[in-house]
Amino acid sequence: MLQATNLGYPPLSWQRGLKKTREQFWSARICEQDLLTRAVTLCKQHWLVQQQPGLQQIPSNDFSL
């Protein structure tokens, strides 16, 4: 059986969500807890985007702050 995978999710994802979140944290517009909450949400979204087309092996450790 053929299995599909990829090399990971691009670091500059759609609408640059992580970049904007980091910049808000660095400029003290959001607290550390908000940064972490948004990061977890983005990470989950990235996993779902990769899972929906049917990838059998989704890479991990492709997300960093």
PDB file of N, CA and C in Angstrom:
ATOM      1  N   MET A   1       0.840  -1.178   0.000  1.00  0.00           N
ATOM      2  CA  MET A   1       0.000   0.000   0.000  1.00  0.00           C
ATOM      3  C   MET A   1       0.888   1.246   0.000  1.00  0.00           C
ATOM      4  N   LEU A   2       0.558   2.188  -0.830  1.00  0.00           N
ATOM      5  CA  LEU A   2       1.299   3.432  -0.943  1.00  0.00           C
ATOM      6  C   LEU A   2       0.892   4.379   0.175  1.00  0.00           C
ATOM      7  N   GLN A   3       1.874   4.981   0.827  1.00  0.00           N
ATOM      8  CA  GLN A   3       1.593   5.944   1.884  1.00  0.00           C
ATOM      9  C   GLN A   3       2.122   7.309   1.471  1.00  0.00           C
ATOM     10  N   ALA A   4       1.402   8.338   1.861  1.00  0.00           N
ATOM     11  CA  ALA A   4       1.800   9.701   1.518  1.00  0.00           C
ATOM     12  C   ALA A   4       2.244  10.447   2.767  1.00  0.00           C
ATOM     13  N   THR A   5       3.219  11.306   2.578  1.00  0.00           N
ATOM     14  CA  THR A   5       3.699  12.165   3.662  1.00  0.00           C
ATOM     15  C   THR A   5       4.193  13.473   3.052  1.00  0.00           C
ATOM     16  N   ASN A   6       4.726  14.346   3.867  1.00  0.00           N
ATOM     17  CA  ASN A   6       5.347  15.577   3.385  1.00  0.00           C
ATOM     18  C   ASN A   6       6.546  15.893   4.273  1.00  0.00           C
ATOM     19  N   LEU A   7       7.199  16.988   4.002  1.00  0.00           N
ATOM     20  CA  LEU A   7       8.398  17.349   4.768  1.00  0.00           C
ATOM     21  C   LEU A   7       8.099  18.268   5.943  1.00  0.00           C
ATOM     22  N   GLY A   8       6.851  18.597   6.156  1.00  0.00           N
ATOM     23  CA  GLY A   8       6.477  19.481   7.256  1.00  0.00           C
ATOM     24  C   GLY A   8       5.723  20.695   6.741  1.00  0.00           C
ATOM     25  N   TYR A   9       5.154  21.424   7.655  1.00  0.00           N
ATOM     26  CA  TYR A   9       4.366  22.599   7.312  1.00  0.00           C
ATOM     27  C   TYR A   9       5.289  23.800   7.150  1.00  0.00           C
ATOM     28  N   PRO A  10       5.053  24.667   6.173  1.00  0.00           N
ATOM     29  CA  PRO A  10       5.930  25.820   5.975  1.00  0.00           C
ATOM     30  C   PRO A  10       5.937  26.744   7.197  1.00  0.00           C
ATOM     31  N   PRO A  11       7.091  27.277   7.569  1.00  0.00           N
ATOM     32  CA  PRO A  11       7.152  28.134   8.757  1.00  0.00           C
ATOM     33  C   PRO A  11       6.369  29.436   8.603  1.00  0.00           C
ATOM     34  N   LEU A  12       6.266  29.950   7.390  1.00  0.00           N
ATOM     35  CA  LEU A  12       5.463  31.151   7.167  1.00  0.00           C
ATOM     36  C   LEU A  12       4.138  30.717   6.562  1.00  0.00           C
ATOM     37  N   SER A  13       3.232  30.328   7.438  1.00  0.00           N
ATOM     38  CA  SER A  13       1.962  29.767   6.998  1.00  0.00           C
ATOM     39  C   SER A  13       1.019  30.861   6.503  1.00  0.00           C
ATOM     40  N   TRP A  14      -0.136  30.419   6.087  1.00  0.00           N
ATOM     41  CA  TRP A  14      -1.167  31.289   5.547  1.00  0.00           C
ATOM     42  C   TRP A  14      -1.421  32.470   6.474  1.00  0.00           C
ATOM     43  N   GLN A  15      -1.407  33.663   5.953  1.00  0.00           N
ATOM     44  CA  GLN A  15      -1.636  34.930   6.655  1.00  0.00           C
ATOM     45  C   GLN A  15      -0.594  35.201   7.743  1.00  0.00           C
ATOM     46  N   ARG A  16       0.494  34.454   7.767  1.00  0.00           N
ATOM     47  CA  ARG A  16       1.603  34.694   8.692  1.00  0.00           C
ATOM     48  C   ARG A  16       1.156  34.807  10.143  1.00  0.00           C
ATOM     49  N   GLY A  17       0.292  33.896  10.558  1.00  0.00           N
ATOM     50  CA  GLY A  17      -0.271  33.931  11.907  1.00  0.00           C
ATOM     51  C   GLY A  17       0.763  33.896  13.008  1.00  0.00           C
ATOM     52  N   LEU A  18       1.756  33.027  12.882  1.00  0.00           N
ATOM     53  CA  LEU A  18       2.777  32.927  13.920  1.00  0.00           C
ATOM     54  C   LEU A  18       3.655  34.170  13.945  1.00  0.00           C
ATOM     55  N   LYS A  19       3.997  34.692  12.790  1.00  0.00           N
ATOM     56  CA  LYS A  19       4.833  35.893  12.716  1.00  0.00           C
ATOM     57  C   LYS A  19       4.142  37.060  13.412  1.00  0.00           C
ATOM     58  N   LYS A  20       2.867  37.253  13.124  1.00  0.00           N
ATOM     59  CA  LYS A  20       2.117  38.351  13.744  1.00  0.00           C
ATOM     60  C   LYS A  20       2.003  38.158  15.253  1.00  0.00           C
ATOM     61  N   THR A  21       1.790  36.928  15.677  1.00  0.00           N
ATOM     62  CA  THR A  21       1.670  36.632  17.107  1.00  0.00           C
ATOM     63  C   THR A  21       2.979  36.916  17.830  1.00  0.00           C
ATOM     64  N   ARG A  22       4.091  36.482  17.256  1.00  0.00           N
ATOM     65  CA  ARG A  22       5.403  36.751  17.875  1.00  0.00           C
ATOM     66  C   ARG A  22       5.662  38.245  17.973  1.00  0.00           C
ATOM     67  N   GLU A  23       5.337  38.977  16.917  1.00  0.00           N
ATOM     68  CA  GLU A  23       5.564  40.424  16.936  1.00  0.00           C
ATOM     69  C   GLU A  23       4.706  41.103  17.997  1.00  0.00           C
ATOM     70  N   GLN A  24       3.483  40.633  18.186  1.00  0.00           N
ATOM     71  CA  GLN A  24       2.635  41.188  19.243  1.00  0.00           C
ATOM     72  C   GLN A  24       3.232  40.910  20.616  1.00  0.00           C
ATOM     73  N   PHE A  25       3.786  39.731  20.806  1.00  0.00           N
ATOM     74  CA  PHE A  25       4.416  39.390  22.084  1.00  0.00           C
ATOM     75  C   PHE A  25       5.660  40.242  22.312  1.00  0.00           C
ATOM     76  N   TRP A  26       6.499  40.372  21.295  1.00  0.00           N
ATOM     77  CA  TRP A  26       7.734  41.151  21.427  1.00  0.00           C
ATOM     78  C   TRP A  26       7.446  42.618  21.728  1.00  0.00           C
ATOM     79  N   SER A  27       6.333  43.138  21.219  1.00  0.00           N
ATOM     80  CA  SER A  27       5.991  44.540  21.482  1.00  0.00           C
ATOM     81  C   SER A  27       5.105  44.690  22.714  1.00  0.00           C
ATOM     82  N   ALA A  28       4.953  43.611  23.477  1.00  0.00           N
ATOM     83  CA  ALA A  28       4.201  43.589  24.744  1.00  0.00           C
ATOM     84  C   ALA A  28       2.713  43.891  24.560  1.00  0.00           C
ATOM     85  N   ARG A  29       2.164  43.572  23.398  1.00  0.00           N
ATOM     86  CA  ARG A  29       0.721  43.737  23.191  1.00  0.00           C
ATOM     87  C   ARG A  29      -0.068  42.516  23.643  1.00  0.00           C
ATOM     88  N   ILE A  30       0.606  41.365  23.763  1.00  0.00           N
ATOM     89  CA  ILE A  30      -0.021  40.168  24.324  1.00  0.00           C
ATOM     90  C   ILE A  30       0.936  39.568  25.352  1.00  0.00           C
ATOM     91  N   CYS A  31       0.389  38.795  26.280  1.00  0.00           N
ATOM     92  CA  CYS A  31       1.212  38.173  27.324  1.00  0.00           C
ATOM     93  C   CYS A  31       1.726  36.809  26.847  1.00  0.00           C
ATOM     94  N   GLU A  32       2.588  36.212  27.656  1.00  0.00           N
ATOM     95  CA  GLU A  32       3.179  34.920  27.298  1.00  0.00           C
ATOM     96  C   GLU A  32       2.111  33.835  27.154  1.00  0.00           C
ATOM     97  N   GLN A  33       1.112  33.866  28.028  1.00  0.00           N
ATOM     98  CA  GLN A  33       0.047  32.857  27.956  1.00  0.00           C
ATOM     99  C   GLN A  33      -0.712  32.956  26.631  1.00  0.00           C
ATOM    100  N   ASP A  34      -0.991  34.176  26.175  1.00  0.00           N
ATOM    101  CA  ASP A  34      -1.660  34.353  24.883  1.00  0.00           C
ATOM    102  C   ASP A  34      -0.785  33.841  23.740  1.00  0.00           C
ATOM    103  N   LEU A  35       0.507  34.112  23.820  1.00  0.00           N
ATOM    104  CA  LEU A  35       1.438  33.617  22.808  1.00  0.00           C
ATOM    105  C   LEU A  35       1.380  32.097  22.719  1.00  0.00           C
ATOM    106  N   LEU A  36       1.452  31.435  23.864  1.00  0.00           N
ATOM    107  CA  LEU A  36       1.442  29.971  23.883  1.00  0.00           C
ATOM    108  C   LEU A  36       0.105  29.400  23.427  1.00  0.00           C
ATOM    109  N   THR A  37      -0.989  30.034  23.839  1.00  0.00           N
ATOM    110  CA  THR A  37      -2.321  29.578  23.426  1.00  0.00           C
ATOM    111  C   THR A  37      -2.479  29.667  21.912  1.00  0.00           C
ATOM    112  N   ARG A  38      -2.066  30.789  21.346  1.00  0.00           N
ATOM    113  CA  ARG A  38      -2.166  30.958  19.891  1.00  0.00           C
ATOM    114  C   ARG A  38      -1.237  29.999  19.155  1.00  0.00           C
ATOM    115  N   ALA A  39      -0.061  29.750  19.721  1.00  0.00           N
ATOM    116  CA  ALA A  39       0.879  28.817  19.098  1.00  0.00           C
ATOM    117  C   ALA A  39       0.298  27.404  19.061  1.00  0.00           C
ATOM    118  N   VAL A  40      -0.317  26.980  20.154  1.00  0.00           N
ATOM    119  CA  VAL A  40      -0.935  25.648  20.198  1.00  0.00           C
ATOM    120  C   VAL A  40      -2.066  25.561  19.175  1.00  0.00           C
ATOM    121  N   THR A  41      -2.869  26.609  19.080  1.00  0.00           N
ATOM    122  CA  THR A  41      -3.967  26.639  18.114  1.00  0.00           C
ATOM    123  C   THR A  41      -3.438  26.528  16.685  1.00  0.00           C
ATOM    124  N   LEU A  42      -2.396  27.288  16.371  1.00  0.00           N
ATOM    125  CA  LEU A  42      -1.804  27.222  15.031  1.00  0.00           C
ATOM    126  C   LEU A  42      -1.236  25.838  14.736  1.00  0.00           C
ATOM    127  N   CYS A  43      -0.587  25.253  15.724  1.00  0.00           N
ATOM    128  CA  CYS A  43      -0.005  23.926  15.544  1.00  0.00           C
ATOM    129  C   CYS A  43      -1.099  22.899  15.232  1.00  0.00           C
ATOM    130  N   LYS A  44      -2.204  22.974  15.958  1.00  0.00           N
ATOM    131  CA  LYS A  44      -3.330  22.063  15.703  1.00  0.00           C
ATOM    132  C   LYS A  44      -3.898  22.274  14.300  1.00  0.00           C
ATOM    133  N   GLN A  45      -4.024  23.545  13.893  1.00  0.00           N
ATOM    134  CA  GLN A  45      -4.534  23.839  12.552  1.00  0.00           C
ATOM    135  C   GLN A  45      -3.615  23.251  11.483  1.00  0.00           C
ATOM    136  N   HIS A  46      -2.306  23.373  11.687  1.00  0.00           N
ATOM    137  CA  HIS A  46      -1.350  22.841  10.717  1.00  0.00           C
ATOM    138  C   HIS A  46      -1.484  21.324  10.601  1.00  0.00           C
ATOM    139  N   TRP A  47      -1.666  20.654  11.728  1.00  0.00           N
ATOM    140  CA  TRP A  47      -1.835  19.196  11.705  1.00  0.00           C
ATOM    141  C   TRP A  47      -3.114  18.817  10.956  1.00  0.00           C
ATOM    142  N   LEU A  48      -4.198  19.556  11.205  1.00  0.00           N
ATOM    143  CA  LEU A  48      -5.465  19.242  10.534  1.00  0.00           C
ATOM    144  C   LEU A  48      -5.374  19.465   9.032  1.00  0.00           C
ATOM    145  N   VAL A  49      -4.715  20.546   8.624  1.00  0.00           N
ATOM    146  CA  VAL A  49      -4.554  20.830   7.196  1.00  0.00           C
ATOM    147  C   VAL A  49      -3.801  19.695   6.512  1.00  0.00           C
ATOM    148  N   GLN A  50      -2.821  19.134   7.190  1.00  0.00           N
ATOM    149  CA  GLN A  50      -2.042  18.037   6.616  1.00  0.00           C
ATOM    150  C   GLN A  50      -2.804  16.716   6.673  1.00  0.00           C
ATOM    151  N   GLN A  51      -3.672  16.557   7.646  1.00  0.00           N
ATOM    152  CA  GLN A  51      -4.419  15.312   7.812  1.00  0.00           C
ATOM    153  C   GLN A  51      -5.575  15.215   6.817  1.00  0.00           C
ATOM    154  N   GLN A  52      -6.217  16.322   6.500  1.00  0.00           N
ATOM    155  CA  GLN A  52      -7.413  16.311   5.656  1.00  0.00           C
ATOM    156  C   GLN A  52      -7.206  15.671   4.284  1.00  0.00           C
ATOM    157  N   PRO A  53      -6.092  15.913   3.597  1.00  0.00           N
ATOM    158  CA  PRO A  53      -5.945  15.256   2.293  1.00  0.00           C
ATOM    159  C   PRO A  53      -5.595  13.774   2.383  1.00  0.00           C
ATOM    160  N   GLY A  54      -5.425  13.271   3.598  1.00  0.00           N
ATOM    161  CA  GLY A  54      -5.200  11.842   3.761  1.00  0.00           C
ATOM    162  C   GLY A  54      -3.755  11.421   3.947  1.00  0.00           C
ATOM    163  N   LEU A  55      -2.903  12.329   4.401  1.00  0.00           N
ATOM    164  CA  LEU A  55      -1.515  11.943   4.660  1.00  0.00           C
ATOM    165  C   LEU A  55      -1.477  10.917   5.786  1.00  0.00           C
ATOM    166  N   GLN A  56      -0.769   9.829   5.569  1.00  0.00           N
ATOM    167  CA  GLN A  56      -0.680   8.786   6.589  1.00  0.00           C
ATOM    168  C   GLN A  56       0.395   9.098   7.622  1.00  0.00           C
ATOM    169  N   GLN A  57       1.420   9.819   7.227  1.00  0.00           N
ATOM    170  CA  GLN A  57       2.510  10.162   8.137  1.00  0.00           C
ATOM    171  C   GLN A  57       2.685  11.675   8.149  1.00  0.00           C
ATOM    172  N   ILE A  58       2.322  12.285   9.260  1.00  0.00           N
ATOM    173  CA  ILE A  58       2.450  13.729   9.405  1.00  0.00           C
ATOM    174  C   ILE A  58       3.690  14.007  10.243  1.00  0.00           C
ATOM    175  N   PRO A  59       4.636  14.784   9.720  1.00  0.00           N
ATOM    176  CA  PRO A  59       5.855  15.044  10.465  1.00  0.00           C
ATOM    177  C   PRO A  59       5.577  15.834  11.741  1.00  0.00           C
ATOM    178  N   SER A  60       6.421  15.629  12.714  1.00  0.00           N
ATOM    179  CA  SER A  60       6.318  16.406  13.950  1.00  0.00           C
ATOM    180  C   SER A  60       7.586  17.237  14.109  1.00  0.00           C
ATOM    181  N   ASN A  61       7.557  18.119  15.076  1.00  0.00           N
ATOM    182  CA  ASN A  61       8.698  18.981  15.379  1.00  0.00           C
ATOM    183  C   ASN A  61       9.035  19.917  14.221  1.00  0.00           C
ATOM    184  N   ASP A  62       8.011  20.368  13.490  1.00  0.00           N
ATOM    185  CA  ASP A  62       8.238  21.340  12.424  1.00  0.00           C
ATOM    186  C   ASP A  62       7.680  22.707  12.812  1.00  0.00           C
ATOM    187  N   PHE A  63       7.475  22.907  14.106  1.00  0.00           N
ATOM    188  CA  PHE A  63       6.879  24.145  14.612  1.00  0.00           C
ATOM    189  C   PHE A  63       7.767  24.688  15.722  1.00  0.00           C
ATOM    190  N   SER A  64       8.155  25.931  15.627  1.00  0.00           N
ATOM    191  CA  SER A  64       8.940  26.541  16.701  1.00  0.00           C
ATOM    192  C   SER A  64       8.571  28.012  16.821  1.00  0.00           C
ATOM    193  N   LEU A  65       8.706  28.517  18.017  1.00  0.00           N
ATOM    194  CA  LEU A  65       8.426  29.923  18.247  1.00  0.00           C
ATOM    195  C   LEU A  65       9.626  30.750  17.828  1.00  0.00           C
TER     196      LEU A  65
END
